[in-house]
PDB file of N, CA and C in Angstrom:
ATOM      1  N   UNK A   1      10.693   6.897  25.821  1.00  0.00           N
ATOM      2  CA  UNK A   1      10.820   6.289  27.122  1.00  0.00           C
ATOM      3  C   UNK A   1      11.714   7.178  27.981  1.00  0.00           C
ATOM      4  N   UNK A   2      11.212   7.543  29.124  1.00  0.00           N
ATOM      5  CA  UNK A   2      11.956   8.366  30.062  1.00  0.00           C
ATOM      6  C   UNK A   2      12.110   7.602  31.361  1.00  0.00           C
ATOM      7  N   UNK A   3      13.224   7.836  32.028  1.00  0.00           N
ATOM      8  CA  UNK A   3      13.452   7.127  33.287  1.00  0.00           C
ATOM      9  C   UNK A   3      13.638   8.119  34.425  1.00  0.00           C
ATOM     10  N   UNK A   4      13.379   7.629  35.618  1.00  0.00           N
ATOM     11  CA  UNK A   4      13.609   8.419  36.820  1.00  0.00           C
ATOM     12  C   UNK A   4      15.100   8.411  37.128  1.00  0.00           C
ATOM     13  N   UNK A   5      15.498   9.142  38.153  1.00  0.00           N
ATOM     14  CA  UNK A   5      16.912   9.140  38.556  1.00  0.00           C
ATOM     15  C   UNK A   5      17.351   7.764  39.038  1.00  0.00           C
ATOM     16  N   UNK A   6      16.386   6.905  39.373  1.00  0.00           N
ATOM     17  CA  UNK A   6      16.710   5.533  39.801  1.00  0.00           C
ATOM     18  C   UNK A   6      16.775   4.561  38.623  1.00  0.00           C
ATOM     19  N   UNK A   7      16.421   5.048  37.430  1.00  0.00           N
ATOM     20  CA  UNK A   7      16.462   4.186  36.253  1.00  0.00           C
ATOM     21  C   UNK A   7      15.161   3.468  35.971  1.00  0.00           C
ATOM     22  N   UNK A   8      14.147   3.713  36.768  1.00  0.00           N
ATOM     23  CA  UNK A   8      12.846   3.081  36.526  1.00  0.00           C
ATOM     24  C   UNK A   8      12.042   3.938  35.547  1.00  0.00           C
ATOM     25  N   UNK A   9      11.097   3.324  34.837  1.00  0.00           N
ATOM     26  CA  UNK A   9      10.308   4.101  33.871  1.00  0.00           C
ATOM     27  C   UNK A   9       9.460   5.169  34.565  1.00  0.00           C
ATOM     28  N   UNK A  10       9.394   6.336  33.946  1.00  0.00           N
ATOM     29  CA  UNK A  10       8.530   7.396  34.472  1.00  0.00           C
ATOM     30  C   UNK A  10       7.090   7.107  34.092  1.00  0.00           C
ATOM     31  N   UNK A  11       6.192   7.516  34.931  1.00  0.00           N
ATOM     32  CA  UNK A  11       4.760   7.407  34.650  1.00  0.00           C
ATOM     33  C   UNK A  11       4.416   8.498  33.633  1.00  0.00           C
ATOM     34  N   UNK A  12       3.583   8.169  32.653  1.00  0.00           N
ATOM     35  CA  UNK A  12       3.250   9.117  31.580  1.00  0.00           C
ATOM     36  C   UNK A  12       2.746  10.446  32.130  1.00  0.00           C
ATOM     37  N   UNK A  13       1.925  10.406  33.152  1.00  0.00           N
ATOM     38  CA  UNK A  13       1.399  11.638  33.743  1.00  0.00           C
ATOM     39  C   UNK A  13       2.491  12.528  34.310  1.00  0.00           C
ATOM     40  N   UNK A  14       3.542  11.915  34.838  1.00  0.00           N
ATOM     41  CA  UNK A  14       4.662  12.695  35.370  1.00  0.00           C
ATOM     42  C   UNK A  14       5.426  13.405  34.249  1.00  0.00           C
ATOM     43  N   UNK A  15       5.586  12.721  33.119  1.00  0.00           N
ATOM     44  CA  UNK A  15       6.257  13.328  31.966  1.00  0.00           C
ATOM     45  C   UNK A  15       5.449  14.536  31.501  1.00  0.00           C
ATOM     46  N   UNK A  16       4.136  14.342  31.391  1.00  0.00           N
ATOM     47  CA  UNK A  16       3.257  15.434  30.955  1.00  0.00           C
ATOM     48  C   UNK A  16       3.333  16.612  31.919  1.00  0.00           C
ATOM     49  N   UNK A  17       3.275  16.340  33.209  1.00  0.00           N
ATOM     50  CA  UNK A  17       3.319  17.415  34.208  1.00  0.00           C
ATOM     51  C   UNK A  17       4.632  18.182  34.133  1.00  0.00           C
ATOM     52  N   UNK A  18       5.732  17.480  34.002  1.00  0.00           N
ATOM     53  CA  UNK A  18       7.038  18.150  33.893  1.00  0.00           C
ATOM     54  C   UNK A  18       7.126  18.990  32.618  1.00  0.00           C
ATOM     55  N   UNK A  19       6.611  18.433  31.551  1.00  0.00           N
ATOM     56  CA  UNK A  19       6.624  19.155  30.280  1.00  0.00           C
ATOM     57  C   UNK A  19       5.811  20.446  30.391  1.00  0.00           C
ATOM     58  N   UNK A  20       4.633  20.371  31.016  1.00  0.00           N
ATOM     59  CA  UNK A  20       3.797  21.561  31.170  1.00  0.00           C
ATOM     60  C   UNK A  20       4.478  22.603  32.063  1.00  0.00           C
ATOM     61  N   UNK A  21       5.173  22.164  33.097  1.00  0.00           N
ATOM     62  CA  UNK A  21       5.911  23.108  33.950  1.00  0.00           C
ATOM     63  C   UNK A  21       7.022  23.808  33.167  1.00  0.00           C
ATOM     64  N   UNK A  22       7.716  23.044  32.332  1.00  0.00           N
ATOM     65  CA  UNK A  22       8.777  23.632  31.507  1.00  0.00           C
ATOM     66  C   UNK A  22       8.218  24.663  30.525  1.00  0.00           C
ATOM     67  N   UNK A  23       7.068  24.359  29.941  1.00  0.00           N
ATOM     68  CA  UNK A  23       6.444  25.304  29.025  1.00  0.00           C
ATOM     69  C   UNK A  23       6.077  26.601  29.745  1.00  0.00           C
ATOM     70  N   UNK A  24       5.481  26.467  30.929  1.00  0.00           N
ATOM     71  CA  UNK A  24       5.110  27.658  31.705  1.00  0.00           C
ATOM     72  C   UNK A  24       6.350  28.469  32.079  1.00  0.00           C
ATOM     73  N   UNK A  25       7.394  27.792  32.510  1.00  0.00           N
ATOM     74  CA  UNK A  25       8.626  28.482  32.916  1.00  0.00           C
ATOM     75  C   UNK A  25       9.255  29.232  31.737  1.00  0.00           C
ATOM     76  N   UNK A  26       9.088  28.697  30.536  1.00  0.00           N
ATOM     77  CA  UNK A  26       9.642  29.332  29.337  1.00  0.00           C
ATOM     78  C   UNK A  26       8.649  30.310  28.700  1.00  0.00           C
ATOM     79  N   UNK A  27       7.502  30.500  29.352  1.00  0.00           N
ATOM     80  CA  UNK A  27       6.449  31.391  28.854  1.00  0.00           C
ATOM     81  C   UNK A  27       5.996  30.984  27.450  1.00  0.00           C
ATOM     82  N   UNK A  28       5.855  29.676  27.253  1.00  0.00           N
ATOM     83  CA  UNK A  28       5.386  29.135  25.984  1.00  0.00           C
ATOM     84  C   UNK A  28       3.941  28.664  26.143  1.00  0.00           C
ATOM     85  N   UNK A  29       3.199  28.601  25.051  1.00  0.00           N
ATOM     86  CA  UNK A  29       1.805  28.153  25.151  1.00  0.00           C
ATOM     87  C   UNK A  29       1.710  26.677  25.519  1.00  0.00           C
ATOM     88  N   UNK A  30       0.585  26.328  26.107  1.00  0.00           N
ATOM     89  CA  UNK A  30       0.328  24.935  26.473  1.00  0.00           C
ATOM     90  C   UNK A  30       0.228  24.108  25.191  1.00  0.00           C
ATOM     91  N   UNK A  31       0.813  22.934  25.204  1.00  0.00           N
ATOM     92  CA  UNK A  31       0.725  22.010  24.075  1.00  0.00           C
ATOM     93  C   UNK A  31       0.873  20.593  24.593  1.00  0.00           C
ATOM     94  N   UNK A  32       0.504  19.660  23.746  1.00  0.00           N
ATOM     95  CA  UNK A  32       0.672  18.251  24.099  1.00  0.00           C
ATOM     96  C   UNK A  32       2.131  17.847  23.852  1.00  0.00           C
ATOM     97  N   UNK A  33       2.612  16.897  24.619  1.00  0.00           N
ATOM     98  CA  UNK A  33       3.964  16.392  24.423  1.00  0.00           C
ATOM     99  C   UNK A  33       4.106  15.848  22.995  1.00  0.00           C
ATOM    100  N   UNK A  34       3.049  15.225  22.486  1.00  0.00           N
ATOM    101  CA  UNK A  34       3.058  14.645  21.140  1.00  0.00           C
ATOM    102  C   UNK A  34       3.257  15.724  20.070  1.00  0.00           C
ATOM    103  N   UNK A  35       2.883  16.972  20.377  1.00  0.00           N
ATOM    104  CA  UNK A  35       3.063  18.059  19.411  1.00  0.00           C
ATOM    105  C   UNK A  35       4.535  18.268  19.069  1.00  0.00           C
ATOM    106  N   UNK A  36       5.437  17.886  19.957  1.00  0.00           N
ATOM    107  CA  UNK A  36       6.873  17.986  19.660  1.00  0.00           C
ATOM    108  C   UNK A  36       7.248  17.092  18.481  1.00  0.00           C
ATOM    109  N   UNK A  37       6.664  15.919  18.423  1.00  0.00           N
ATOM    110  CA  UNK A  37       6.903  14.980  17.325  1.00  0.00           C
ATOM    111  C   UNK A  37       6.421  15.584  16.014  1.00  0.00           C
ATOM    112  N   UNK A  38       5.219  16.147  16.050  1.00  0.00           N
ATOM    113  CA  UNK A  38       4.640  16.768  14.854  1.00  0.00           C
ATOM    114  C   UNK A  38       5.503  17.949  14.403  1.00  0.00           C
ATOM    115  N   UNK A  39       5.922  18.762  15.346  1.00  0.00           N
ATOM    116  CA  UNK A  39       6.766  19.909  15.014  1.00  0.00           C
ATOM    117  C   UNK A  39       8.098  19.485  14.426  1.00  0.00           C
ATOM    118  N   UNK A  40       8.700  18.461  15.000  1.00  0.00           N
ATOM    119  CA  UNK A  40       9.987  17.975  14.498  1.00  0.00           C
ATOM    120  C   UNK A  40       9.856  17.458  13.068  1.00  0.00           C
ATOM    121  N   UNK A  41       8.805  16.699  12.795  1.00  0.00           N
ATOM    122  CA  UNK A  41       8.600  16.167  11.442  1.00  0.00           C
ATOM    123  C   UNK A  41       8.385  17.299  10.449  1.00  0.00           C
ATOM    124  N   UNK A  42       7.587  18.291  10.821  1.00  0.00           N
ATOM    125  CA  UNK A  42       7.342  19.433   9.941  1.00  0.00           C
ATOM    126  C   UNK A  42       8.633  20.182   9.656  1.00  0.00           C
ATOM    127  N   UNK A  43       9.437  20.400  10.685  1.00  0.00           N
ATOM    128  CA  UNK A  43      10.713  21.094  10.502  1.00  0.00           C
ATOM    129  C   UNK A  43      11.657  20.306   9.609  1.00  0.00           C
ATOM    130  N   UNK A  44      11.736  19.002   9.826  1.00  0.00           N
ATOM    131  CA  UNK A  44      12.623  18.176   9.003  1.00  0.00           C
ATOM    132  C   UNK A  44      12.229  18.258   7.528  1.00  0.00           C
ATOM    133  N   UNK A  45      10.929  18.116   7.249  1.00  0.00           N
ATOM    134  CA  UNK A  45      10.467  18.172   5.862  1.00  0.00           C
ATOM    135  C   UNK A  45      10.710  19.554   5.266  1.00  0.00           C
ATOM    136  N   UNK A  46      10.448  20.599   6.026  1.00  0.00           N
ATOM    137  CA  UNK A  46      10.640  21.949   5.496  1.00  0.00           C
ATOM    138  C   UNK A  46      12.117  22.270   5.274  1.00  0.00           C
ATOM    139  N   UNK A  47      13.007  21.540   5.932  1.00  0.00           N
ATOM    140  CA  UNK A  47      14.444  21.744   5.738  1.00  0.00           C
ATOM    141  C   UNK A  47      15.002  20.852   4.638  1.00  0.00           C
ATOM    142  N   UNK A  48      14.117  20.129   3.962  1.00  0.00           N
ATOM    143  CA  UNK A  48      14.543  19.333   2.819  1.00  0.00           C
ATOM    144  C   UNK A  48      14.978  17.914   3.139  1.00  0.00           C
ATOM    145  N   UNK A  49      14.738  17.453   4.360  1.00  0.00           N
ATOM    146  CA  UNK A  49      15.059  16.061   4.687  1.00  0.00           C
ATOM    147  C   UNK A  49      14.120  15.174   3.876  1.00  0.00           C
ATOM    148  N   UNK A  50      14.662  14.156   3.255  1.00  0.00           N
ATOM    149  CA  UNK A  50      13.877  13.274   2.391  1.00  0.00           C
ATOM    150  C   UNK A  50      12.725  12.651   3.180  1.00  0.00           C
ATOM    151  N   UNK A  51      11.526  12.631   2.584  1.00  0.00           N
ATOM    152  CA  UNK A  51      10.369  12.059   3.285  1.00  0.00           C
ATOM    153  C   UNK A  51      10.578  10.629   3.785  1.00  0.00           C
ATOM    154  N   UNK A  52      11.370   9.850   3.070  1.00  0.00           N
ATOM    155  CA  UNK A  52      11.611   8.467   3.517  1.00  0.00           C
ATOM    156  C   UNK A  52      12.366   8.457   4.844  1.00  0.00           C
ATOM    157  N   UNK A  53      13.302   9.382   5.010  1.00  0.00           N
ATOM    158  CA  UNK A  53      14.049   9.474   6.269  1.00  0.00           C
ATOM    159  C   UNK A  53      13.097   9.886   7.391  1.00  0.00           C
ATOM    160  N   UNK A  54      12.248  10.870   7.119  1.00  0.00           N
ATOM    161  CA  UNK A  54      11.279  11.316   8.127  1.00  0.00           C
ATOM    162  C   UNK A  54      10.331  10.167   8.460  1.00  0.00           C
ATOM    163  N   UNK A  55       9.871   9.447   7.448  1.00  0.00           N
ATOM    164  CA  UNK A  55       8.992   8.298   7.650  1.00  0.00           C
ATOM    165  C   UNK A  55       9.627   7.289   8.605  1.00  0.00           C
ATOM    166  N   UNK A  56      10.888   6.981   8.373  1.00  0.00           N
ATOM    167  CA  UNK A  56      11.576   5.997   9.210  1.00  0.00           C
ATOM    168  C   UNK A  56      11.771   6.513  10.634  1.00  0.00           C
ATOM    169  N   UNK A  57      12.093   7.800  10.761  1.00  0.00           N
ATOM    170  CA  UNK A  57      12.285   8.373  12.097  1.00  0.00           C
ATOM    171  C   UNK A  57      10.990   8.327  12.909  1.00  0.00           C
ATOM    172  N   UNK A  58       9.859   8.539  12.226  1.00  0.00           N
ATOM    173  CA  UNK A  58       8.573   8.539  12.914  1.00  0.00           C
ATOM    174  C   UNK A  58       8.010   7.139  13.114  1.00  0.00           C
ATOM    175  N   UNK A  59       8.564   6.176  12.396  1.00  0.00           N
ATOM    176  CA  UNK A  59       8.059   4.807  12.506  1.00  0.00           C
ATOM    177  C   UNK A  59       6.791   4.572  11.711  1.00  0.00           C
ATOM    178  N   UNK A  60       6.541   5.431  10.701  1.00  0.00           N
ATOM    179  CA  UNK A  60       5.370   5.235   9.852  1.00  0.00           C
ATOM    180  C   UNK A  60       5.597   4.046   8.931  1.00  0.00           C
ATOM    181  N   UNK A  61       4.510   3.393   8.538  1.00  0.00           N
ATOM    182  CA  UNK A  61       4.619   2.214   7.677  1.00  0.00           C
ATOM    183  C   UNK A  61       4.792   2.577   6.210  1.00  0.00           C
ATOM    184  N   UNK A  62       4.345   3.774   5.811  1.00  0.00           N
ATOM    185  CA  UNK A  62       4.447   4.181   4.411  1.00  0.00           C
ATOM    186  C   UNK A  62       4.773   5.673   4.310  1.00  0.00           C
ATOM    187  N   UNK A  63       5.378   6.044   3.181  1.00  0.00           N
ATOM    188  CA  UNK A  63       5.621   7.460   2.915  1.00  0.00           C
ATOM    189  C   UNK A  63       4.290   8.181   2.753  1.00  0.00           C
ATOM    190  N   UNK A  64       3.293   7.494   2.186  1.00  0.00           N
ATOM    191  CA  UNK A  64       1.979   8.115   2.000  1.00  0.00           C
ATOM    192  C   UNK A  64       1.412   8.592   3.334  1.00  0.00           C
ATOM    193  N   UNK A  65       1.547   7.792   4.366  1.00  0.00           N
ATOM    194  CA  UNK A  65       1.056   8.186   5.690  1.00  0.00           C
ATOM    195  C   UNK A  65       1.787   9.435   6.171  1.00  0.00           C
ATOM    196  N   UNK A  66       3.094   9.451   6.017  1.00  0.00           N
ATOM    197  CA  UNK A  66       3.881  10.607   6.442  1.00  0.00           C
ATOM    198  C   UNK A  66       3.468  11.853   5.674  1.00  0.00           C
ATOM    199  N   UNK A  67       3.398  11.759   4.358  1.00  0.00           N
ATOM    200  CA  UNK A  67       3.099  12.926   3.541  1.00  0.00           C
ATOM    201  C   UNK A  67       1.650  13.379   3.703  1.00  0.00           C
ATOM    202  N   UNK A  68       0.726  12.455   3.903  1.00  0.00           N
ATOM    203  CA  UNK A  68      -0.665  12.858   4.150  1.00  0.00           C
ATOM    204  C   UNK A  68      -0.786  13.578   5.487  1.00  0.00           C
ATOM    205  N   UNK A  69      -0.047  13.122   6.469  1.00  0.00           N
ATOM    206  CA  UNK A  69      -0.097  13.737   7.798  1.00  0.00           C
ATOM    207  C   UNK A  69       0.539  15.119   7.799  1.00  0.00           C
ATOM    208  N   UNK A  70       1.579  15.287   7.020  1.00  0.00           N
ATOM    209  CA  UNK A  70       2.326  16.541   7.018  1.00  0.00           C
ATOM    210  C   UNK A  70       2.150  17.303   5.709  1.00  0.00           C
ATOM    211  N   UNK A  71       0.987  17.164   5.083  1.00  0.00           N
ATOM    212  CA  UNK A  71       0.741  17.799   3.785  1.00  0.00           C
ATOM    213  C   UNK A  71       0.793  19.322   3.847  1.00  0.00           C
ATOM    214  N   UNK A  72       0.629  19.907   5.038  1.00  0.00           N
ATOM    215  CA  UNK A  72       0.695  21.368   5.158  1.00  0.00           C
ATOM    216  C   UNK A  72       2.087  21.902   4.814  1.00  0.00           C
ATOM    217  N   UNK A  73       3.091  21.035   4.826  1.00  0.00           N
ATOM    218  CA  UNK A  73       4.455  21.454   4.503  1.00  0.00           C
ATOM    219  C   UNK A  73       4.671  21.448   2.986  1.00  0.00           C
ATOM    220  N   UNK A  74       3.861  20.713   2.244  1.00  0.00           N
ATOM    221  CA  UNK A  74       4.068  20.494   0.816  1.00  0.00           C
ATOM    222  C   UNK A  74       4.048  21.782  -0.015  1.00  0.00           C
ATOM    223  N   UNK A  75       3.110  22.733   0.188  1.00  0.00           N
ATOM    224  CA  UNK A  75       3.148  23.942  -0.653  1.00  0.00           C
ATOM    225  C   UNK A  75       4.483  24.684  -0.581  1.00  0.00           C
ATOM    226  N   UNK A  76       5.060  24.774   0.587  1.00  0.00           N
ATOM    227  CA  UNK A  76       6.368  25.420   0.734  1.00  0.00           C
ATOM    228  C   UNK A  76       7.428  24.639  -0.045  1.00  0.00           C
ATOM    229  N   UNK A  77       7.383  23.312   0.033  1.00  0.00           N
ATOM    230  CA  UNK A  77       8.360  22.492  -0.672  1.00  0.00           C
ATOM    231  C   UNK A  77       8.187  22.625  -2.183  1.00  0.00           C
ATOM    232  N   UNK A  78       6.938  22.726  -2.648  1.00  0.00           N
ATOM    233  CA  UNK A  78       6.695  22.886  -4.084  1.00  0.00           C
ATOM    234  C   UNK A  78       7.257  24.219  -4.583  1.00  0.00           C
ATOM    235  N   UNK A  79       7.097  25.286  -3.814  1.00  0.00           N
ATOM    236  CA  UNK A  79       7.630  26.600  -4.202  1.00  0.00           C
ATOM    237  C   UNK A  79       9.152  26.542  -4.278  1.00  0.00           C
ATOM    238  N   UNK A  80       9.756  25.895  -3.279  1.00  0.00           N
ATOM    239  CA  UNK A  80      11.215  25.782  -3.267  1.00  0.00           C
ATOM    240  C   UNK A  80      11.707  24.959  -4.455  1.00  0.00           C
ATOM    241  N   UNK A  81      10.977  23.894  -4.812  1.00  0.00           N
ATOM    242  CA  UNK A  81      11.352  23.069  -5.962  1.00  0.00           C
ATOM    243  C   UNK A  81      11.259  23.883  -7.249  1.00  0.00           C
ATOM    244  N   UNK A  82      10.210  24.696  -7.382  1.00  0.00           N
ATOM    245  CA  UNK A  82      10.062  25.537  -8.565  1.00  0.00           C
ATOM    246  C   UNK A  82      11.195  26.556  -8.642  1.00  0.00           C
ATOM    247  N   UNK A  83      11.561  27.137  -7.510  1.00  0.00           N
ATOM    248  CA  UNK A  83      12.679  28.087  -7.481  1.00  0.00           C
ATOM    249  C   UNK A  83      13.982  27.416  -7.911  1.00  0.00           C
ATOM    250  N   UNK A  84      14.221  26.205  -7.417  1.00  0.00           N
ATOM    251  CA  UNK A  84      15.432  25.478  -7.786  1.00  0.00           C
ATOM    252  C   UNK A  84      15.451  25.146  -9.278  1.00  0.00           C
ATOM    253  N   UNK A  85      14.282  24.827  -9.831  1.00  0.00           N
ATOM    254  CA  UNK A  85      14.200  24.525 -11.258  1.00  0.00           C
ATOM    255  C   UNK A  85      14.532  25.772 -12.078  1.00  0.00           C
ATOM    256  N   UNK A  86      14.061  26.937 -11.657  1.00  0.00           N
ATOM    257  CA  UNK A  86      14.382  28.174 -12.374  1.00  0.00           C
ATOM    258  C   UNK A  86      15.891  28.425 -12.359  1.00  0.00           C
ATOM    259  N   UNK A  87      16.508  28.215 -11.219  1.00  0.00           N
ATOM    260  CA  UNK A  87      17.956  28.400 -11.111  1.00  0.00           C
ATOM    261  C   UNK A  87      18.671  27.406 -12.026  1.00  0.00           C
ATOM    262  N   UNK A  88      18.219  26.150 -12.032  1.00  0.00           N
ATOM    263  CA  UNK A  88      18.833  25.116 -12.868  1.00  0.00           C
ATOM    264  C   UNK A  88      18.712  25.460 -14.339  1.00  0.00           C
ATOM    265  N   UNK A  89      17.628  26.129 -14.719  1.00  0.00           N
ATOM    266  CA  UNK A  89      17.420  26.509 -16.115  1.00  0.00           C
ATOM    267  C   UNK A  89      18.116  27.819 -16.462  1.00  0.00           C
ATOM    268  N   UNK A  90      18.817  28.389 -15.491  1.00  0.00           N
ATOM    269  CA  UNK A  90      19.581  29.589 -15.747  1.00  0.00           C
ATOM    270  C   UNK A  90      18.767  30.865 -15.769  1.00  0.00           C
ATOM    271  N   UNK A  91      17.567  30.813 -15.195  1.00  0.00           N
ATOM    272  CA  UNK A  91      16.716  32.006 -15.157  1.00  0.00           C
ATOM    273  C   UNK A  91      16.730  32.606 -13.762  1.00  0.00           C
ATOM    274  N   UNK A  92      16.714  33.927 -13.691  1.00  0.00           N
ATOM    275  CA  UNK A  92      16.610  34.550 -12.370  1.00  0.00           C
ATOM    276  C   UNK A  92      15.273  34.172 -11.728  1.00  0.00           C
ATOM    277  N   UNK A  93      15.261  34.046 -10.436  1.00  0.00           N
ATOM    278  CA  UNK A  93      14.029  33.698  -9.726  1.00  0.00           C
ATOM    279  C   UNK A  93      12.952  34.714 -10.023  1.00  0.00           C
ATOM    280  N   UNK A  94      11.739  34.217 -10.319  1.00  0.00           N
ATOM    281  CA  UNK A  94      10.602  35.096 -10.544  1.00  0.00           C
ATOM    282  C   UNK A  94      10.496  35.660 -11.945  1.00  0.00           C
ATOM    283  N   UNK A  95      11.406  35.295 -12.832  1.00  0.00           N
ATOM    284  CA  UNK A  95      11.345  35.833 -14.192  1.00  0.00           C
ATOM    285  C   UNK A  95      10.255  35.102 -14.988  1.00  0.00           C
ATOM    286  N   UNK A  96       9.752  35.752 -16.011  1.00  0.00           N
ATOM    287  CA  UNK A  96       8.731  35.153 -16.869  1.00  0.00           C
ATOM    288  C   UNK A  96       9.432  34.541 -18.072  1.00  0.00           C
ATOM    289  N   UNK A  97       9.034  33.320 -18.430  1.00  0.00           N
ATOM    290  CA  UNK A  97       9.677  32.620 -19.553  1.00  0.00           C
ATOM    291  C   UNK A  97       9.376  33.258 -20.873  1.00  0.00           C
TER     292      UNK A  97
END
């Protein structure tokens, strides 16, 4: 929810127009305002924030919905988990057992 300088709600089209102007001014590619939400969730998961926290921040009803939507982040998380397990087992990263 965004408000005008008078405190009244902004019209959705005005938010979109302002967002597109900001993107152009920053020489960034065109994107939907909603893409910011997707990007934030992907970043949070890739930084190790627990999926339940991300689920709650996004207002999803289940972790399954969150993880299915952001499954592209999972391979990176699996690699990091495997690396952490190697360290926990006292093996240098990438060593063969």
